C-alpha atoms as a PDB file:
ATOM      1  CA  MET A   1      -5.727 -53.094  50.687  1.00  0.00           C
ATOM      2  CA  THR A   2      -5.599 -52.577  46.949  1.00  0.00           C
ATOM      3  CA  GLY A   3      -7.387 -54.172  44.063  1.00  0.00           C
ATOM      4  CA  ALA A   4      -7.072 -54.293  40.287  1.00  0.00           C
ATOM      5  CA  ILE A   5      -9.540 -55.048  37.531  1.00  0.00           C
ATOM      6  CA  GLY A   6      -8.585 -55.314  33.886  1.00  0.00           C
ATOM      7  CA  TRP A   7      -9.803 -56.482  30.543  1.00  0.00           C
ATOM      8  CA  PRO A   8      -8.436 -59.824  29.279  1.00  0.00           C
ATOM      9  CA  LEU A   9      -5.286 -58.697  27.550  1.00  0.00           C
ATOM     10  CA  ILE A  10      -3.011 -60.202  24.935  1.00  0.00           C
ATOM     11  CA  ALA A  11       0.383 -61.150  26.366  1.00  0.00           C
ATOM     12  CA  ARG A  12       2.828 -58.261  26.544  1.00  0.00           C
ATOM     13  CA  ALA A  13       5.063 -59.858  23.964  1.00  0.00           C
ATOM     14  CA  GLN A  14       2.199 -59.704  21.484  1.00  0.00           C
ATOM     15  CA  GLN A  15       1.206 -56.151  22.291  1.00  0.00           C
ATOM     16  CA  SER A  16       2.034 -53.502  19.746  1.00  0.00           C
ATOM     17  CA  SER A  17       4.313 -50.808  21.086  1.00  0.00           C
ATOM     18  CA  ALA A  18       1.681 -48.360  19.855  1.00  0.00           C
ATOM     19  CA  THR A  19      -1.014 -49.842  22.099  1.00  0.00           C
ATOM     20  CA  PRO A  20      -1.648 -47.209  24.784  1.00  0.00           C
ATOM     21  CA  ARG A  21      -1.761 -48.204  28.418  1.00  0.00           C
ATOM     22  CA  VAL A  22      -4.358 -46.348  30.466  1.00  0.00           C
ATOM     23  CA  VAL A  23      -4.785 -46.869  34.206  1.00  0.00           C
ATOM     24  CA  GLN A  24      -7.797 -45.589  36.130  1.00  0.00           C
ATOM     25  CA  LEU A  25      -7.058 -44.886  39.790  1.00  0.00           C
ATOM     26  CA  GLY A  26      -9.707 -44.368  42.435  1.00  0.00           C
ATOM     27  CA  PRO A  27     -10.301 -44.772  46.163  1.00  0.00           C
ATOM     28  CA  VAL A  28     -12.817 -47.599  45.723  1.00  0.00           C
ATOM     29  CA  GLU A  29     -14.187 -49.949  43.096  1.00  0.00           C
ATOM     30  CA  VAL A  30     -17.413 -48.639  41.550  1.00  0.00           C
ATOM     31  CA  PRO A  31     -18.584 -51.157  38.905  1.00  0.00           C
ATOM     32  CA  ALA A  32     -20.878 -48.674  37.145  1.00  0.00           C
ATOM     33  CA  GLN A  33     -18.005 -46.230  36.814  1.00  0.00           C
ATOM     34  CA  ILE A  34     -15.707 -48.920  35.417  1.00  0.00           C
ATOM     35  CA  ALA A  35     -18.363 -49.939  32.897  1.00  0.00           C
ATOM     36  CA  ALA A  36     -18.838 -46.306  31.840  1.00  0.00           C
ATOM     37  CA  THR A  37     -15.103 -45.825  31.270  1.00  0.00           C
ATOM     38  CA  LYS A  38     -14.930 -48.955  29.110  1.00  0.00           C
ATOM     39  CA  ARG A  39     -18.007 -47.952  27.117  1.00  0.00           C
ATOM     40  CA  LEU A  40     -16.957 -44.364  26.526  1.00  0.00           C
ATOM     41  CA  LEU A  41     -13.465 -45.357  25.423  1.00  0.00           C
ATOM     42  CA  ALA A  42     -14.911 -48.043  23.127  1.00  0.00           C
ATOM     43  CA  GLU A  43     -17.172 -45.434  21.528  1.00  0.00           C
ATOM     44  CA  LEU A  44     -14.004 -43.541  20.577  1.00  0.00           C
ATOM     45  CA  GLY A  45     -12.429 -46.668  19.092  1.00  0.00           C
ATOM     46  CA  TYR A  46     -10.384 -47.784  22.085  1.00  0.00           C
ATOM     47  CA  VAL A  47     -11.613 -51.350  22.156  1.00  0.00           C
ATOM     48  CA  GLU A  48      -9.920 -54.446  23.554  1.00  0.00           C
ATOM     49  CA  GLY A  49      -6.712 -55.063  21.626  1.00  0.00           C
ATOM     50  CA  ARG A  50      -6.320 -51.371  20.801  1.00  0.00           C
ATOM     51  CA  ILE A  51      -5.809 -50.282  24.401  1.00  0.00           C
ATOM     52  CA  ARG A  52      -4.458 -51.734  27.640  1.00  0.00           C
ATOM     53  CA  LEU A  53      -7.010 -50.566  30.174  1.00  0.00           C
ATOM     54  CA  GLU A  54      -6.513 -51.264  33.856  1.00  0.00           C
ATOM     55  CA  PHE A  55      -8.392 -50.299  36.995  1.00  0.00           C
ATOM     56  CA  ARG A  56      -6.759 -49.856  40.391  1.00  0.00           C
ATOM     57  CA  HIS A  57      -8.491 -48.921  43.602  1.00  0.00           C
ATOM     58  CA  ALA A  58      -7.577 -48.467  47.260  1.00  0.00           C
ATOM     59  CA  ALA A  59     -10.448 -50.559  48.666  1.00  0.00           C
ATOM     60  CA  GLY A  60     -11.950 -47.500  50.339  1.00  0.00           C
ATOM     61  CA  ASP A  61      -8.740 -46.483  52.135  1.00  0.00           C
ATOM     62  CA  ALA A  62      -7.810 -43.018  50.850  1.00  0.00           C
ATOM     63  CA  ASP A  63      -4.525 -43.191  52.777  1.00  0.00           C
ATOM     64  CA  ALA A  64      -3.411 -46.047  50.492  1.00  0.00           C
ATOM     65  CA  LEU A  65      -3.679 -43.959  47.318  1.00  0.00           C
ATOM     66  CA  PRO A  66      -0.114 -42.508  47.344  1.00  0.00           C
ATOM     67  CA  ALA A  67       1.534 -45.953  47.555  1.00  0.00           C
ATOM     68  CA  LEU A  68      -0.820 -47.302  44.894  1.00  0.00           C
ATOM     69  CA  ALA A  69      -0.011 -44.391  42.576  1.00  0.00           C
ATOM     70  CA  GLN A  70       3.697 -44.992  43.040  1.00  0.00           C
ATOM     71  CA  GLU A  71       3.167 -48.659  42.225  1.00  0.00           C
ATOM     72  CA  ILE A  72       1.385 -47.757  38.982  1.00  0.00           C
ATOM     73  CA  VAL A  73       4.255 -45.505  37.944  1.00  0.00           C
ATOM     74  CA  ARG A  74       6.860 -48.161  38.785  1.00  0.00           C
ATOM     75  CA  ASP A  75       4.989 -50.860  36.844  1.00  0.00           C
ATOM     76  CA  GLY A  76       6.187 -49.557  33.486  1.00  0.00           C
ATOM     77  CA  ARG A  77       4.992 -47.423  30.575  1.00  0.00           C
ATOM     78  CA  VAL A  78       1.731 -45.638  31.305  1.00  0.00           C
ATOM     79  CA  ASP A  79       0.288 -43.263  28.726  1.00  0.00           C
ATOM     80  CA  VAL A  80      -2.495 -41.749  30.847  1.00  0.00           C
ATOM     81  CA  ILE A  81      -3.652 -42.017  34.451  1.00  0.00           C
ATOM     82  CA  ILE A  82      -7.368 -41.353  34.917  1.00  0.00           C
ATOM     83  CA  ALA A  83      -7.729 -40.151  38.502  1.00  0.00           C
ATOM     84  CA  ILE A  84     -11.200 -40.429  40.002  1.00  0.00           C
ATOM     85  CA  SER A  85     -11.373 -37.927  42.895  1.00  0.00           C
ATOM     86  CA  THR A  86      -9.056 -35.155  44.000  1.00  0.00           C
ATOM     87  CA  PRO A  87      -7.127 -37.398  46.463  1.00  0.00           C
ATOM     88  CA  ALA A  88      -6.414 -39.844  43.619  1.00  0.00           C
ATOM     89  CA  ALA A  89      -5.214 -36.974  41.420  1.00  0.00           C
ATOM     90  CA  LEU A  90      -2.998 -35.585  44.185  1.00  0.00           C
ATOM     91  CA  ALA A  91      -1.517 -39.033  44.788  1.00  0.00           C
ATOM     92  CA  ALA A  92      -0.814 -39.501  41.082  1.00  0.00           C
ATOM     93  CA  TYR A  93       0.661 -36.015  40.764  1.00  0.00           C
ATOM     94  CA  LYS A  94       2.973 -36.683  43.708  1.00  0.00           C
ATOM     95  CA  ALA A  95       4.101 -39.932  42.063  1.00  0.00           C
ATOM     96  CA  THR A  96       4.813 -38.449  38.624  1.00  0.00           C
ATOM     97  CA  ARG A  97       5.239 -35.032  37.045  1.00  0.00           C
ATOM     98  CA  THR A  98       5.579 -36.443  33.533  1.00  0.00           C
ATOM     99  CA  ILE A  99       2.812 -39.012  32.933  1.00  0.00           C
ATOM    100  CA  PRO A 100      -0.388 -37.251  31.821  1.00  0.00           C
ATOM    101  CA  ILE A 101      -3.139 -37.277  34.453  1.00  0.00           C
ATOM    102  CA  VAL A 102      -6.779 -36.635  33.574  1.00  0.00           C
ATOM    103  CA  THR A 103      -8.971 -36.236  36.639  1.00  0.00           C
ATOM    104  CA  LEU A 104     -12.543 -35.819  37.755  1.00  0.00           C
ATOM    105  CA  ALA A 105     -11.785 -33.464  40.647  1.00  0.00           C
ATOM    106  CA  ALA A 106     -14.388 -32.485  43.215  1.00  0.00           C
ATOM    107  CA  VAL A 107     -12.635 -29.286  44.238  1.00  0.00           C
ATOM    108  CA  ASP A 108     -10.760 -26.361  42.749  1.00  0.00           C
ATOM    109  CA  PRO A 109      -7.641 -27.841  41.068  1.00  0.00           C
ATOM    110  CA  VAL A 110      -5.788 -24.543  41.443  1.00  0.00           C
ATOM    111  CA  ALA A 111      -6.415 -24.305  45.189  1.00  0.00           C
ATOM    112  CA  SER A 112      -5.501 -27.978  45.631  1.00  0.00           C
ATOM    113  CA  GLY A 113      -2.164 -27.525  43.812  1.00  0.00           C
ATOM    114  CA  LEU A 114      -2.926 -29.524  40.661  1.00  0.00           C
ATOM    115  CA  ALA A 115      -2.937 -26.624  38.209  1.00  0.00           C
ATOM    116  CA  ASP A 116      -1.588 -23.114  37.718  1.00  0.00           C
ATOM    117  CA  SER A 117      -4.935 -21.962  36.309  1.00  0.00           C
ATOM    118  CA  LEU A 118      -8.126 -23.493  34.971  1.00  0.00           C
ATOM    119  CA  ALA A 119      -7.572 -22.073  31.491  1.00  0.00           C
ATOM    120  CA  ARG A 120      -3.970 -23.242  31.243  1.00  0.00           C
ATOM    121  CA  PRO A 121      -3.102 -25.862  33.881  1.00  0.00           C
ATOM    122  CA  GLY A 122       0.579 -25.755  32.943  1.00  0.00           C
ATOM    123  CA  ARG A 123       1.447 -29.097  34.529  1.00  0.00           C
ATOM    124  CA  ASN A 124       0.745 -32.751  33.690  1.00  0.00           C
ATOM    125  CA  VAL A 125      -2.831 -32.641  35.008  1.00  0.00           C
ATOM    126  CA  THR A 126      -6.125 -31.626  33.405  1.00  0.00           C
ATOM    127  CA  GLY A 127      -9.725 -32.825  33.567  1.00  0.00           C
ATOM    128  CA  ILE A 128     -13.127 -31.833  34.906  1.00  0.00           C
ATOM    129  CA  ALA A 129     -13.390 -29.619  38.005  1.00  0.00           C
ATOM    130  CA  VAL A 130     -16.711 -30.030  39.798  1.00  0.00           C
ATOM    131  CA  PHE A 131     -16.310 -27.386  42.579  1.00  0.00           C
ATOM    132  CA  SER A 132     -18.501 -29.473  44.864  1.00  0.00           C
ATOM    133  CA  GLU A 133     -18.566 -26.895  47.676  1.00  0.00           C
ATOM    134  CA  GLU A 134     -20.809 -24.740  45.479  1.00  0.00           C
ATOM    135  CA  THR A 135     -23.253 -27.516  44.599  1.00  0.00           C
ATOM    136  CA  THR A 136     -23.338 -28.788  48.188  1.00  0.00           C
ATOM    137  CA  ALA A 137     -24.367 -25.283  49.267  1.00  0.00           C
ATOM    138  CA  LYS A 138     -27.180 -25.483  46.689  1.00  0.00           C
ATOM    139  CA  ARG A 139     -28.288 -28.792  48.206  1.00  0.00           C
ATOM    140  CA  ILE A 140     -28.510 -27.081  51.591  1.00  0.00           C
ATOM    141  CA  GLU A 141     -30.695 -24.367  50.041  1.00  0.00           C
ATOM    142  CA  LEU A 142     -33.012 -27.033  48.645  1.00  0.00           C
ATOM    143  CA  MET A 143     -33.167 -28.686  52.050  1.00  0.00           C
ATOM    144  CA  ARG A 144     -34.308 -25.393  53.567  1.00  0.00           C
ATOM    145  CA  GLU A 145     -37.065 -25.123  50.945  1.00  0.00           C
ATOM    146  CA  ILE A 146     -38.458 -28.564  51.710  1.00  0.00           C
ATOM    147  CA  LEU A 147     -37.841 -28.438  55.493  1.00  0.00           C
ATOM    148  CA  PRO A 148     -38.702 -24.867  56.506  1.00  0.00           C
ATOM    149  CA  GLN A 149     -38.774 -25.708  60.234  1.00  0.00           C
ATOM    150  CA  ALA A 150     -35.665 -27.907  60.338  1.00  0.00           C
ATOM    151  CA  VAL A 151     -32.767 -26.992  62.616  1.00  0.00           C
ATOM    152  CA  ARG A 152     -30.124 -29.739  62.645  1.00  0.00           C
ATOM    153  CA  LEU A 153     -28.510 -30.826  59.402  1.00  0.00           C
ATOM    154  CA  GLY A 154     -25.929 -33.590  58.949  1.00  0.00           C
ATOM    155  CA  THR A 155     -23.349 -33.350  56.156  1.00  0.00           C
ATOM    156  CA  VAL A 156     -22.027 -36.811  55.277  1.00  0.00           C
ATOM    157  CA  THR A 157     -18.417 -37.250  54.124  1.00  0.00           C
ATOM    158  CA  THR A 158     -15.560 -39.760  54.092  1.00  0.00           C
ATOM    159  CA  LYS A 159     -11.803 -39.222  54.124  1.00  0.00           C
ATOM    160  CA  VAL A 160     -11.953 -38.799  50.358  1.00  0.00           C
ATOM    161  CA  SER A 161     -14.324 -35.839  50.408  1.00  0.00           C
ATOM    162  CA  SER A 162     -13.496 -34.283  53.773  1.00  0.00           C
ATOM    163  CA  GLY A 163      -9.759 -34.492  53.123  1.00  0.00           C
ATOM    164  CA  ALA A 164      -9.917 -32.970  49.651  1.00  0.00           C
ATOM    165  CA  GLN A 165     -12.182 -30.015  50.198  1.00  0.00           C
ATOM    166  CA  SER A 166     -12.965 -27.333  52.708  1.00  0.00           C
ATOM    167  CA  LEU A 167     -16.393 -27.687  54.251  1.00  0.00           C
ATOM    168  CA  THR A 168     -16.266 -24.095  55.521  1.00  0.00           C
ATOM    169  CA  PRO A 169     -18.454 -22.744  52.668  1.00  0.00           C
ATOM    170  CA  VAL A 170     -20.953 -25.532  53.311  1.00  0.00           C
ATOM    171  CA  LEU A 171     -21.105 -24.812  57.047  1.00  0.00           C
ATOM    172  CA  GLU A 172     -21.416 -21.094  56.337  1.00  0.00           C
ATOM    173  CA  ALA A 173     -24.246 -21.662  53.861  1.00  0.00           C
ATOM    174  CA  GLY A 174     -26.074 -23.714  56.470  1.00  0.00           C
ATOM    175  CA  ARG A 175     -25.592 -21.089  59.177  1.00  0.00           C
ATOM    176  CA  LYS A 176     -26.978 -18.326  56.954  1.00  0.00           C
ATOM    177  CA  LEU A 177     -30.095 -20.419  56.362  1.00  0.00           C
ATOM    178  CA  GLY A 178     -30.609 -21.065  60.055  1.00  0.00           C
ATOM    179  CA  PHE A 179     -29.235 -24.602  60.223  1.00  0.00           C
ATOM    180  CA  GLN A 180     -26.944 -26.088  62.808  1.00  0.00           C
ATOM    181  CA  VAL A 181     -24.693 -28.144  60.539  1.00  0.00           C
ATOM    182  CA  GLU A 182     -22.666 -31.074  61.835  1.00  0.00           C
ATOM    183  CA  THR A 183     -20.312 -33.229  59.788  1.00  0.00           C
ATOM    184  CA  ILE A 184     -20.804 -36.991  59.842  1.00  0.00           C
ATOM    185  CA  ASN A 185     -17.378 -38.212  58.749  1.00  0.00           C
ATOM    186  CA  ILE A 186     -17.143 -41.915  57.896  1.00  0.00           C
ATOM    187  CA  ASP A 187     -13.444 -42.695  58.274  1.00  0.00           C
ATOM    188  CA  ASP A 188     -13.792 -46.381  57.392  1.00  0.00           C
ATOM    189  CA  PRO A 189     -16.380 -47.887  54.982  1.00  0.00           C
ATOM    190  CA  ALA A 190     -16.804 -50.684  57.535  1.00  0.00           C
ATOM    191  CA  SER A 191     -18.413 -48.145  59.877  1.00  0.00           C
ATOM    192  CA  ILE A 192     -21.144 -47.034  57.457  1.00  0.00           C
ATOM    193  CA  GLY A 193     -23.707 -49.186  59.289  1.00  0.00           C
ATOM    194  CA  THR A 194     -22.887 -47.553  62.618  1.00  0.00           C
ATOM    195  CA  MET A 195     -22.517 -43.968  61.424  1.00  0.00           C
ATOM    196  CA  LEU A 196     -25.752 -44.062  59.420  1.00  0.00           C
ATOM    197  CA  SER A 197     -27.780 -46.096  61.908  1.00  0.00           C
ATOM    198  CA  ALA A 198     -31.240 -44.846  62.862  1.00  0.00           C
ATOM    199  CA  ASP A 199     -30.007 -44.160  66.398  1.00  0.00           C
ATOM    200  CA  ASN A 200     -27.112 -42.041  65.183  1.00  0.00           C
ATOM    201  CA  LEU A 201     -29.220 -40.104  62.669  1.00  0.00           C
ATOM    202  CA  ALA A 202     -32.099 -39.483  65.108  1.00  0.00           C
ATOM    203  CA  GLN A 203     -30.565 -36.156  66.153  1.00  0.00           C
ATOM    204  CA  PHE A 204     -30.803 -34.693  62.636  1.00  0.00           C
ATOM    205  CA  ASP A 205     -33.746 -33.210  60.749  1.00  0.00           C
ATOM    206  CA  GLY A 206     -32.148 -33.867  57.368  1.00  0.00           C
ATOM    207  CA  LEU A 207     -28.966 -35.040  55.633  1.00  0.00           C
ATOM    208  CA  VAL A 208     -26.859 -33.564  52.848  1.00  0.00           C
ATOM    209  CA  PHE A 209     -24.383 -35.807  51.041  1.00  0.00           C
ATOM    210  CA  VAL A 210     -21.355 -34.410  49.235  1.00  0.00           C
ATOM    211  CA  PRO A 211     -20.008 -36.101  46.071  1.00  0.00           C
ATOM    212  CA  ASP A 212     -17.976 -39.025  47.392  1.00  0.00           C
ATOM    213  CA  VAL A 213     -16.771 -42.006  45.384  1.00  0.00           C
ATOM    214  CA  VAL A 214     -16.417 -44.185  48.493  1.00  0.00           C
ATOM    215  CA  LEU A 215     -20.059 -43.673  49.425  1.00  0.00           C
ATOM    216  CA  SER A 216     -21.012 -44.309  45.795  1.00  0.00           C
ATOM    217  CA  GLY A 217     -19.263 -47.661  46.065  1.00  0.00           C
ATOM    218  CA  HIS A 218     -21.627 -48.536  48.945  1.00  0.00           C
ATOM    219  CA  GLN A 219     -24.689 -46.895  47.446  1.00  0.00           C
ATOM    220  CA  ALA A 220     -27.238 -49.633  48.123  1.00  0.00           C
ATOM    221  CA  GLU A 221     -26.278 -49.875  51.803  1.00  0.00           C
ATOM    222  CA  VAL A 222     -26.300 -46.094  52.270  1.00  0.00           C
ATOM    223  CA  ILE A 223     -29.752 -45.725  50.676  1.00  0.00           C
ATOM    224  CA  ARG A 224     -31.162 -48.580  52.757  1.00  0.00           C
ATOM    225  CA  LEU A 225     -29.858 -47.131  56.021  1.00  0.00           C
ATOM    226  CA  VAL A 226     -30.948 -43.563  55.283  1.00  0.00           C
ATOM    227  CA  ASN A 227     -34.441 -44.660  54.280  1.00  0.00           C
ATOM    228  CA  LEU A 228     -34.716 -46.795  57.417  1.00  0.00           C
ATOM    229  CA  SER A 229     -33.823 -43.748  59.507  1.00  0.00           C
ATOM    230  CA  GLY A 230     -36.788 -41.839  58.118  1.00  0.00           C
ATOM    231  CA  LYS A 231     -34.629 -38.771  57.511  1.00  0.00           C
ATOM    232  CA  PRO A 232     -34.848 -36.837  54.222  1.00  0.00           C
ATOM    233  CA  ALA A 233     -31.522 -36.811  52.436  1.00  0.00           C
ATOM    234  CA  ILE A 234     -30.279 -35.108  49.308  1.00  0.00           C
ATOM    235  CA  PHE A 235     -27.470 -36.620  47.233  1.00  0.00           C
ATOM    236  CA  ALA A 236     -25.155 -35.348  44.505  1.00  0.00           C
ATOM    237  CA  SER A 237     -26.172 -37.395  41.448  1.00  0.00           C
ATOM    238  CA  PRO A 238     -29.356 -38.856  39.937  1.00  0.00           C
ATOM    239  CA  ASP A 239     -28.261 -42.499  40.140  1.00  0.00           C
ATOM    240  CA  TRP A 240     -28.970 -42.308  43.883  1.00  0.00           C
ATOM    241  CA  VAL A 241     -32.603 -41.367  43.239  1.00  0.00           C
ATOM    242  CA  ALA A 242     -32.926 -43.980  40.501  1.00  0.00           C
ATOM    243  CA  ASN A 243     -31.884 -46.573  43.087  1.00  0.00           C
ATOM    244  CA  GLY A 244     -34.339 -45.525  45.779  1.00  0.00           C
ATOM    245  CA  ALA A 245     -33.044 -42.335  47.437  1.00  0.00           C
ATOM    246  CA  PHE A 246     -35.288 -39.316  47.999  1.00  0.00           C
ATOM    247  CA  MET A 247     -33.617 -36.435  46.166  1.00  0.00           C
ATOM    248  CA  SER A 248     -30.497 -35.361  44.290  1.00  0.00           C
ATOM    249  CA  PHE A 249     -29.002 -32.199  42.894  1.00  0.00           C
ATOM    250  CA  GLY A 250     -25.653 -31.742  41.236  1.00  0.00           C
ATOM    251  CA  PRO A 251     -23.715 -31.742  38.014  1.00  0.00           C
ATOM    252  CA  ASP A 252     -24.725 -34.153  35.271  1.00  0.00           C
ATOM    253  CA  PHE A 253     -21.979 -36.671  36.035  1.00  0.00           C
ATOM    254  CA  ALA A 254     -22.786 -38.720  32.918  1.00  0.00           C
ATOM    255  CA  ASP A 255     -22.008 -35.658  30.803  1.00  0.00           C
ATOM    256  CA  ALA A 256     -18.908 -34.930  32.910  1.00  0.00           C
ATOM    257  CA  GLY A 257     -17.742 -38.526  32.339  1.00  0.00           C
ATOM    258  CA  ARG A 258     -18.089 -38.159  28.572  1.00  0.00           C
ATOM    259  CA  ARG A 259     -16.080 -34.945  28.622  1.00  0.00           C
ATOM    260  CA  LEU A 260     -13.446 -36.552  30.853  1.00  0.00           C
ATOM    261  CA  ILE A 261     -12.908 -39.428  28.401  1.00  0.00           C
ATOM    262  CA  ALA A 262     -12.842 -36.933  25.516  1.00  0.00           C
ATOM    263  CA  GLN A 263      -9.876 -35.305  27.252  1.00  0.00           C
ATOM    264  CA  VAL A 264      -8.199 -38.700  27.656  1.00  0.00           C
ATOM    265  CA  ASP A 265      -8.631 -39.143  23.887  1.00  0.00           C
ATOM    266  CA  ARG A 266      -7.002 -35.767  23.200  1.00  0.00           C
ATOM    267  CA  VAL A 267      -4.024 -36.672  25.393  1.00  0.00           C
ATOM    268  CA  LEU A 268      -3.634 -40.066  23.695  1.00  0.00           C
ATOM    269  CA  ARG A 269      -3.605 -38.219  20.371  1.00  0.00           C
ATOM    270  CA  GLY A 270      -0.711 -36.057  21.522  1.00  0.00           C
ATOM    271  CA  ALA A 271      -2.160 -33.077  23.379  1.00  0.00           C
ATOM    272  CA  LYS A 272      -0.340 -31.914  26.499  1.00  0.00           C
ATOM    273  CA  PRO A 273      -2.451 -31.808  29.681  1.00  0.00           C
ATOM    274  CA  GLY A 274      -0.922 -28.475  30.621  1.00  0.00           C
ATOM    275  CA  ASP A 275      -2.423 -26.971  27.467  1.00  0.00           C
ATOM    276  CA  LEU A 276      -5.918 -28.423  27.934  1.00  0.00           C
ATOM    277  CA  PRO A 277      -8.170 -26.232  30.096  1.00  0.00           C
ATOM    278  CA  PHE A 278      -9.870 -27.743  33.108  1.00  0.00           C
ATOM    279  CA  GLU A 279     -13.553 -27.877  32.215  1.00  0.00           C
ATOM    280  CA  ARG A 280     -16.417 -27.132  34.560  1.00  0.00           C
ATOM    281  CA  PRO A 281     -19.808 -28.836  34.448  1.00  0.00           C
ATOM    282  CA  THR A 282     -22.395 -26.928  32.445  1.00  0.00           C
ATOM    283  CA  LYS A 283     -25.384 -29.202  33.061  1.00  0.00           C
ATOM    284  CA  PHE A 284     -27.027 -29.631  36.465  1.00  0.00           C
ATOM    285  CA  ASP A 285     -29.728 -32.065  37.422  1.00  0.00           C
ATOM    286  CA  LEU A 286     -32.485 -32.110  40.065  1.00  0.00           C
ATOM    287  CA  ARG A 287     -34.278 -35.436  40.698  1.00  0.00           C
ATOM    288  CA  ILE A 288     -37.057 -36.217  43.172  1.00  0.00           C
ATOM    289  CA  ASN A 289     -38.552 -39.553  44.178  1.00  0.00           C
ATOM    290  CA  LEU A 290     -42.120 -38.706  45.239  1.00  0.00           C
ATOM    291  CA  ARG A 291     -42.722 -42.250  46.492  1.00  0.00           C
ATOM    292  CA  ILE A 292     -39.947 -41.802  49.047  1.00  0.00           C
ATOM    293  CA  ALA A 293     -41.203 -38.298  49.850  1.00  0.00           C
ATOM    294  CA  ARG A 294     -44.609 -39.726  50.721  1.00  0.00           C
ATOM    295  CA  ALA A 295     -43.016 -42.462  52.843  1.00  0.00           C
ATOM    296  CA  LEU A 296     -41.155 -39.723  54.734  1.00  0.00           C
ATOM    297  CA  GLY A 297     -44.380 -37.772  55.225  1.00  0.00           C
ATOM    298  CA  LEU A 298     -43.142 -34.797  53.208  1.00  0.00           C
ATOM    299  CA  ASP A 299     -45.421 -32.378  51.386  1.00  0.00           C
ATOM    300  CA  LEU A 300     -43.020 -30.879  48.876  1.00  0.00           C
ATOM    301  CA  PRO A 301     -43.389 -27.283  47.671  1.00  0.00           C
ATOM    302  CA  ALA A 302     -44.805 -27.153  44.144  1.00  0.00           C
ATOM    303  CA  THR A 303     -42.008 -24.753  43.174  1.00  0.00           C
ATOM    304  CA  VAL A 304     -39.373 -27.387  43.962  1.00  0.00           C
ATOM    305  CA  VAL A 305     -41.201 -30.181  42.130  1.00  0.00           C
ATOM    306  CA  ALA A 306     -41.679 -27.928  39.096  1.00  0.00           C
ATOM    307  CA  ARG A 307     -37.919 -27.325  38.849  1.00  0.00           C
ATOM    308  CA  ALA A 308     -37.055 -31.035  38.825  1.00  0.00           C
ATOM    309  CA  ASP A 309     -35.544 -32.542  35.699  1.00  0.00           C
ATOM    310  CA  GLU A 310     -37.219 -35.835  36.600  1.00  0.00           C
ATOM    311  CA  VAL A 311     -39.872 -36.783  39.122  1.00  0.00           C
ATOM    312  CA  ILE A 312     -40.290 -40.445  40.009  1.00  0.00           C
ATOM    313  CA  GLU A 313     -43.885 -41.243  40.947  1.00  0.00           C
END
């Protein structure tokens, strides 16, 4: 049910007491995310031997996160928990009110109970707050621009994203634009093939994906299935388009990752999470893969293509 990945570490007896221990907790293993964490920490001087860096994940089962967080806390001294996703942050916060938690949260940390305010969290949690309901609504607006006659829209989630955020604003945004919006909730990663099969997606005119770390962990399979279905889909981050998806719009997650690790650095240097404001993304990115658009038979509006940060021919 759970997994762990770590750097080769010197035996505990040889570790300096000053060597910080940082544990990254997430619902699923995402190798690119792990590599980014290692690289960004190394750029700040936290290289092997100067940090004990561990990665724990719940193998796609969001319900296993609370027990995994408790296990991390029981293991011994932890200087910072990096929580990837709001459910991971909530699980860590339930397990400890003293260990600093730095999170990449998809939803409002105040509404979800992680902070007293964005400017002054006041607890042991800080990080980057994405407010994904807002950007998902923007993805629906883009879908209306490129599919002016479309009626049925599928919003794809897993337990991680559907359990952490309210989809009411998303459904309302779709209704105002004339869409009938239906949620496709993938409870178990093993059911991705069934839920995203061509037969199951035939009823929809288009698909909107919310930011979801579990789906990111199965990115290649999701892209293959969606492209086979022949349905246009818009995702939350540009790595999807780089790997063969049609379109993406959302925060610049690479920039958000850098800012997240910068906050980890501040905490390791002695700052209190409760005093560090939650940051919001300031950069947003629109990517379009015209090759996939042509395969889907789409004639994209010039106004949409002109707004893209990158167009793949």
